[in-house]
């Protein structure tokens, strides 16, 4: 059976931490920023960990 290919969209969006958790960026930070408060935009900066319910699907897409 051939090797499974990694989903290109997933490999661009997710990274693994040293402990094996999956990091992701926040959504809603790319455009239409004038109506969003400074606090809201600041809280969308930086990365967060993927929710436990989504980890299995993401690992399938990344072939891990």
PDB file of N, CA and C in Angstrom:
ATOM      1  N   UNK A   1       0.833  -1.176   0.000  1.00  0.00           N
ATOM      2  CA  UNK A   1       0.000   0.000   0.000  1.00  0.00           C
ATOM      3  C   UNK A   1       0.884   1.248   0.000  1.00  0.00           C
ATOM      4  N   UNK A   2       0.539   2.275  -0.789  1.00  0.00           N
ATOM      5  CA  UNK A   2       1.396   3.463  -0.840  1.00  0.00           C
ATOM      6  C   UNK A   2       1.314   4.274   0.451  1.00  0.00           C
ATOM      7  N   UNK A   3       2.320   5.107   0.632  1.00  0.00           N
ATOM      8  CA  UNK A   3       2.331   5.987   1.797  1.00  0.00           C
ATOM      9  C   UNK A   3       1.189   6.991   1.688  1.00  0.00           C
ATOM     10  N   UNK A   4       0.645   7.393   2.850  1.00  0.00           N
ATOM     11  CA  UNK A   4      -0.375   8.441   2.865  1.00  0.00           C
ATOM     12  C   UNK A   4       0.310   9.791   2.726  1.00  0.00           C
ATOM     13  N   UNK A   5      -0.294  10.668   1.947  1.00  0.00           N
ATOM     14  CA  UNK A   5       0.253  12.005   1.803  1.00  0.00           C
ATOM     15  C   UNK A   5      -0.274  12.903   2.922  1.00  0.00           C
ATOM     16  N   UNK A   6       0.588  13.806   3.372  1.00  0.00           N
ATOM     17  CA  UNK A   6       0.191  14.816   4.345  1.00  0.00           C
ATOM     18  C   UNK A   6      -0.647  15.862   3.636  1.00  0.00           C
ATOM     19  N   UNK A   7      -1.718  16.320   4.288  1.00  0.00           N
ATOM     20  CA  UNK A   7      -2.535  17.410   3.732  1.00  0.00           C
ATOM     21  C   UNK A   7      -1.726  18.698   3.776  1.00  0.00           C
ATOM     22  N   UNK A   8      -1.533  19.327   2.619  1.00  0.00           N
ATOM     23  CA  UNK A   8      -0.718  20.535   2.549  1.00  0.00           C
ATOM     24  C   UNK A   8      -1.297  21.656   3.386  1.00  0.00           C
ATOM     25  N   UNK A   9      -2.627  21.760   3.436  1.00  0.00           N
ATOM     26  CA  UNK A   9      -3.243  22.830   4.225  1.00  0.00           C
ATOM     27  C   UNK A   9      -2.963  22.637   5.707  1.00  0.00           C
ATOM     28  N   UNK A  10      -2.930  21.391   6.167  1.00  0.00           N
ATOM     29  CA  UNK A  10      -2.698  21.116   7.589  1.00  0.00           C
ATOM     30  C   UNK A  10      -1.244  21.377   7.969  1.00  0.00           C
ATOM     31  N   UNK A  11      -0.312  21.007   7.110  1.00  0.00           N
ATOM     32  CA  UNK A  11       1.097  21.202   7.473  1.00  0.00           C
ATOM     33  C   UNK A  11       1.468  22.679   7.530  1.00  0.00           C
ATOM     34  N   UNK A  12       0.704  23.538   6.837  1.00  0.00           N
ATOM     35  CA  UNK A  12       0.942  24.972   6.901  1.00  0.00           C
ATOM     36  C   UNK A  12       0.337  25.599   8.158  1.00  0.00           C
ATOM     37  N   UNK A  13      -0.658  24.951   8.743  1.00  0.00           N
ATOM     38  CA  UNK A  13      -1.411  25.551   9.839  1.00  0.00           C
ATOM     39  C   UNK A  13      -1.036  25.051  11.229  1.00  0.00           C
ATOM     40  N   UNK A  14      -0.460  23.862  11.330  1.00  0.00           N
ATOM     41  CA  UNK A  14      -0.225  23.251  12.636  1.00  0.00           C
ATOM     42  C   UNK A  14       1.238  22.879  12.823  1.00  0.00           C
ATOM     43  N   UNK A  15       1.716  23.011  14.082  1.00  0.00           N
ATOM     44  CA  UNK A  15       3.065  22.606  14.449  1.00  0.00           C
ATOM     45  C   UNK A  15       2.970  21.825  15.759  1.00  0.00           C
ATOM     46  N   UNK A  16       3.910  20.918  15.973  1.00  0.00           N
ATOM     47  CA  UNK A  16       3.956  20.153  17.206  1.00  0.00           C
ATOM     48  C   UNK A  16       4.863  20.842  18.218  1.00  0.00           C
ATOM     49  N   UNK A  17       4.470  20.817  19.487  1.00  0.00           N
ATOM     50  CA  UNK A  17       5.323  21.315  20.549  1.00  0.00           C
ATOM     51  C   UNK A  17       6.292  20.209  20.954  1.00  0.00           C
ATOM     52  N   UNK A  18       7.210  20.531  21.834  1.00  0.00           N
ATOM     53  CA  UNK A  18       8.174  19.540  22.294  1.00  0.00           C
ATOM     54  C   UNK A  18       7.521  18.383  23.033  1.00  0.00           C
ATOM     55  N   UNK A  19       6.405  18.661  23.705  1.00  0.00           N
ATOM     56  CA  UNK A  19       5.727  17.612  24.475  1.00  0.00           C
ATOM     57  C   UNK A  19       4.708  16.843  23.646  1.00  0.00           C
ATOM     58  N   UNK A  20       4.579  17.189  22.350  1.00  0.00           N
ATOM     59  CA  UNK A  20       3.689  16.437  21.470  1.00  0.00           C
ATOM     60  C   UNK A  20       2.317  17.038  21.269  1.00  0.00           C
ATOM     61  N   UNK A  21       2.043  18.175  21.906  1.00  0.00           N
ATOM     62  CA  UNK A  21       0.767  18.850  21.676  1.00  0.00           C
ATOM     63  C   UNK A  21       0.821  19.571  20.332  1.00  0.00           C
ATOM     64  N   UNK A  22      -0.342  19.974  19.827  1.00  0.00           N
ATOM     65  CA  UNK A  22      -0.404  20.630  18.519  1.00  0.00           C
ATOM     66  C   UNK A  22      -0.746  22.100  18.720  1.00  0.00           C
ATOM     67  N   UNK A  23       0.075  22.983  18.140  1.00  0.00           N
ATOM     68  CA  UNK A  23      -0.151  24.422  18.214  1.00  0.00           C
ATOM     69  C   UNK A  23      -0.918  24.884  16.989  1.00  0.00           C
ATOM     70  N   UNK A  24      -1.704  25.962  17.180  1.00  0.00           N
ATOM     71  CA  UNK A  24      -2.406  26.582  16.070  1.00  0.00           C
ATOM     72  C   UNK A  24      -2.447  28.079  16.292  1.00  0.00           C
ATOM     73  N   UNK A  25      -2.722  28.824  15.230  1.00  0.00           N
ATOM     74  CA  UNK A  25      -2.909  30.267  15.352  1.00  0.00           C
ATOM     75  C   UNK A  25      -4.383  30.568  15.546  1.00  0.00           C
ATOM     76  N   UNK A  26      -4.669  31.757  16.071  1.00  0.00           N
ATOM     77  CA  UNK A  26      -6.048  32.190  16.223  1.00  0.00           C
ATOM     78  C   UNK A  26      -6.605  32.670  14.889  1.00  0.00           C
ATOM     79  N   UNK A  27      -7.899  32.488  14.697  1.00  0.00           N
ATOM     80  CA  UNK A  27      -8.587  32.990  13.513  1.00  0.00           C
ATOM     81  C   UNK A  27      -9.036  34.431  13.764  1.00  0.00           C
ATOM     82  N   UNK A  28      -9.583  35.067  12.741  1.00  0.00           N
ATOM     83  CA  UNK A  28     -10.186  36.406  12.817  1.00  0.00           C
ATOM     84  C   UNK A  28      -9.167  37.509  13.073  1.00  0.00           C
ATOM     85  N   UNK A  29      -7.938  37.343  12.615  1.00  0.00           N
ATOM     86  CA  UNK A  29      -6.920  38.377  12.825  1.00  0.00           C
ATOM     87  C   UNK A  29      -6.346  38.871  11.503  1.00  0.00           C
ATOM     88  N   UNK A  30      -6.983  38.554  10.373  1.00  0.00           N
ATOM     89  CA  UNK A  30      -6.363  38.872   9.086  1.00  0.00           C
ATOM     90  C   UNK A  30      -6.911  40.131   8.422  1.00  0.00           C
ATOM     91  N   UNK A  31      -8.191  40.427   8.564  1.00  0.00           N
ATOM     92  CA  UNK A  31      -8.750  41.620   7.926  1.00  0.00           C
ATOM     93  C   UNK A  31      -9.987  42.068   8.695  1.00  0.00           C
ATOM     94  N   UNK A  32     -10.530  43.221   8.290  1.00  0.00           N
ATOM     95  CA  UNK A  32     -11.634  43.892   8.996  1.00  0.00           C
ATOM     96  C   UNK A  32     -11.248  44.091  10.467  1.00  0.00           C
ATOM     97  N   UNK A  33     -10.096  44.741  10.667  1.00  0.00           N
ATOM     98  CA  UNK A  33      -9.572  44.913  12.016  1.00  0.00           C
ATOM     99  C   UNK A  33      -9.997  46.228  12.658  1.00  0.00           C
ATOM    100  N   UNK A  34     -10.574  47.142  11.877  1.00  0.00           N
ATOM    101  CA  UNK A  34     -10.898  48.463  12.420  1.00  0.00           C
ATOM    102  C   UNK A  34     -12.013  48.396  13.445  1.00  0.00           C
ATOM    103  N   UNK A  35     -12.953  47.482  13.285  1.00  0.00           N
ATOM    104  CA  UNK A  35     -14.073  47.402  14.229  1.00  0.00           C
ATOM    105  C   UNK A  35     -13.772  46.545  15.451  1.00  0.00           C
ATOM    106  N   UNK A  36     -12.611  45.888  15.463  1.00  0.00           N
ATOM    107  CA  UNK A  36     -12.245  45.043  16.597  1.00  0.00           C
ATOM    108  C   UNK A  36     -11.422  45.862  17.594  1.00  0.00           C
ATOM    109  N   UNK A  37     -11.657  45.654  18.866  1.00  0.00           N
ATOM    110  CA  UNK A  37     -10.969  46.428  19.894  1.00  0.00           C
ATOM    111  C   UNK A  37      -9.496  46.007  19.985  1.00  0.00           C
ATOM    112  N   UNK A  38      -8.693  46.890  20.573  1.00  0.00           N
ATOM    113  CA  UNK A  38      -7.266  46.584  20.755  1.00  0.00           C
ATOM    114  C   UNK A  38      -7.092  45.331  21.596  1.00  0.00           C
ATOM    115  N   UNK A  39      -7.906  45.219  22.633  1.00  0.00           N
ATOM    116  CA  UNK A  39      -7.806  44.064  23.524  1.00  0.00           C
ATOM    117  C   UNK A  39      -8.113  42.775  22.777  1.00  0.00           C
ATOM    118  N   UNK A  40      -9.150  42.807  21.942  1.00  0.00           N
ATOM    119  CA  UNK A  40      -9.543  41.606  21.189  1.00  0.00           C
ATOM    120  C   UNK A  40      -8.447  41.202  20.209  1.00  0.00           C
ATOM    121  N   UNK A  41      -7.885  42.179  19.491  1.00  0.00           N
ATOM    122  CA  UNK A  41      -6.814  41.879  18.532  1.00  0.00           C
ATOM    123  C   UNK A  41      -5.564  41.372  19.242  1.00  0.00           C
ATOM    124  N   UNK A  42      -5.247  41.949  20.403  1.00  0.00           N
ATOM    125  CA  UNK A  42      -4.084  41.521  21.160  1.00  0.00           C
ATOM    126  C   UNK A  42      -4.238  40.084  21.644  1.00  0.00           C
ATOM    127  N   UNK A  43      -5.452  39.728  22.069  1.00  0.00           N
ATOM    128  CA  UNK A  43      -5.697  38.369  22.538  1.00  0.00           C
ATOM    129  C   UNK A  43      -5.690  37.343  21.410  1.00  0.00           C
ATOM    130  N   UNK A  44      -5.881  37.795  20.168  1.00  0.00           N
ATOM    131  CA  UNK A  44      -5.818  36.892  19.024  1.00  0.00           C
ATOM    132  C   UNK A  44      -4.384  36.684  18.530  1.00  0.00           C
ATOM    133  N   UNK A  45      -3.441  37.477  19.064  1.00  0.00           N
ATOM    134  CA  UNK A  45      -2.039  37.334  18.691  1.00  0.00           C
ATOM    135  C   UNK A  45      -1.452  36.120  19.410  1.00  0.00           C
ATOM    136  N   UNK A  46      -0.499  35.486  18.778  1.00  0.00           N
ATOM    137  CA  UNK A  46       0.163  34.353  19.410  1.00  0.00           C
ATOM    138  C   UNK A  46      -0.565  33.050  19.131  1.00  0.00           C
ATOM    139  N   UNK A  47       0.015  31.989  19.594  1.00  0.00           N
ATOM    140  CA  UNK A  47      -0.504  30.645  19.307  1.00  0.00           C
ATOM    141  C   UNK A  47      -1.203  30.074  20.532  1.00  0.00           C
ATOM    142  N   UNK A  48      -1.997  29.044  20.303  1.00  0.00           N
ATOM    143  CA  UNK A  48      -2.663  28.317  21.370  1.00  0.00           C
ATOM    144  C   UNK A  48      -2.624  26.831  21.031  1.00  0.00           C
ATOM    145  N   UNK A  49      -3.040  26.009  21.970  1.00  0.00           N
ATOM    146  CA  UNK A  49      -3.022  24.563  21.771  1.00  0.00           C
ATOM    147  C   UNK A  49      -4.370  24.120  21.207  1.00  0.00           C
ATOM    148  N   UNK A  50      -4.337  23.157  20.303  1.00  0.00           N
ATOM    149  CA  UNK A  50      -5.554  22.622  19.693  1.00  0.00           C
ATOM    150  C   UNK A  50      -6.385  21.900  20.748  1.00  0.00           C
ATOM    151  N   UNK A  51      -7.704  22.022  20.650  1.00  0.00           N
ATOM    152  CA  UNK A  51      -8.607  21.369  21.590  1.00  0.00           C
ATOM    153  C   UNK A  51      -8.510  19.852  21.473  1.00  0.00           C
ATOM    154  N   UNK A  52      -8.735  19.173  22.584  1.00  0.00           N
ATOM    155  CA  UNK A  52      -8.601  17.716  22.647  1.00  0.00           C
ATOM    156  C   UNK A  52      -9.507  17.009  21.642  1.00  0.00           C
ATOM    157  N   UNK A  53     -10.690  17.572  21.384  1.00  0.00           N
ATOM    158  CA  UNK A  53     -11.647  16.949  20.472  1.00  0.00           C
ATOM    159  C   UNK A  53     -11.156  16.943  19.026  1.00  0.00           C
ATOM    160  N   UNK A  54     -10.242  17.845  18.672  1.00  0.00           N
ATOM    161  CA  UNK A  54      -9.785  17.972  17.289  1.00  0.00           C
ATOM    162  C   UNK A  54      -8.445  17.293  17.018  1.00  0.00           C
ATOM    163  N   UNK A  55      -7.758  16.865  18.059  1.00  0.00           N
ATOM    164  CA  UNK A  55      -6.394  16.341  17.909  1.00  0.00           C
ATOM    165  C   UNK A  55      -6.354  15.132  16.982  1.00  0.00           C
ATOM    166  N   UNK A  56      -7.281  14.195  17.129  1.00  0.00           N
ATOM    167  CA  UNK A  56      -7.253  12.972  16.339  1.00  0.00           C
ATOM    168  C   UNK A  56      -7.360  13.273  14.844  1.00  0.00           C
ATOM    169  N   UNK A  57      -8.298  14.156  14.455  1.00  0.00           N
ATOM    170  CA  UNK A  57      -8.467  14.498  13.047  1.00  0.00           C
ATOM    171  C   UNK A  57      -7.240  15.176  12.478  1.00  0.00           C
ATOM    172  N   UNK A  58      -6.625  16.055  13.236  1.00  0.00           N
ATOM    173  CA  UNK A  58      -5.443  16.764  12.758  1.00  0.00           C
ATOM    174  C   UNK A  58      -4.279  15.803  12.588  1.00  0.00           C
ATOM    175  N   UNK A  59      -4.117  14.864  13.521  1.00  0.00           N
ATOM    176  CA  UNK A  59      -3.033  13.896  13.390  1.00  0.00           C
ATOM    177  C   UNK A  59      -3.212  13.019  12.158  1.00  0.00           C
ATOM    178  N   UNK A  60      -4.457  12.689  11.807  1.00  0.00           N
ATOM    179  CA  UNK A  60      -4.726  11.925  10.582  1.00  0.00           C
ATOM    180  C   UNK A  60      -4.298  12.731   9.367  1.00  0.00           C
ATOM    181  N   UNK A  61      -4.628  14.024   9.356  1.00  0.00           N
ATOM    182  CA  UNK A  61      -4.250  14.865   8.226  1.00  0.00           C
ATOM    183  C   UNK A  61      -2.749  15.042   8.107  1.00  0.00           C
ATOM    184  N   UNK A  62      -2.061  15.031   9.245  1.00  0.00           N
ATOM    185  CA  UNK A  62      -0.604  15.183   9.235  1.00  0.00           C
ATOM    186  C   UNK A  62       0.111  13.845   9.129  1.00  0.00           C
ATOM    187  N   UNK A  63      -0.627  12.734   9.077  1.00  0.00           N
ATOM    188  CA  UNK A  63      -0.061  11.387   8.977  1.00  0.00           C
ATOM    189  C   UNK A  63       0.890  11.098  10.127  1.00  0.00           C
ATOM    190  N   UNK A  64       0.496  11.430  11.333  1.00  0.00           N
ATOM    191  CA  UNK A  64       1.321  11.180  12.527  1.00  0.00           C
ATOM    192  C   UNK A  64       0.663  10.147  13.391  1.00  0.00           C
TER     193      UNK A  64
END
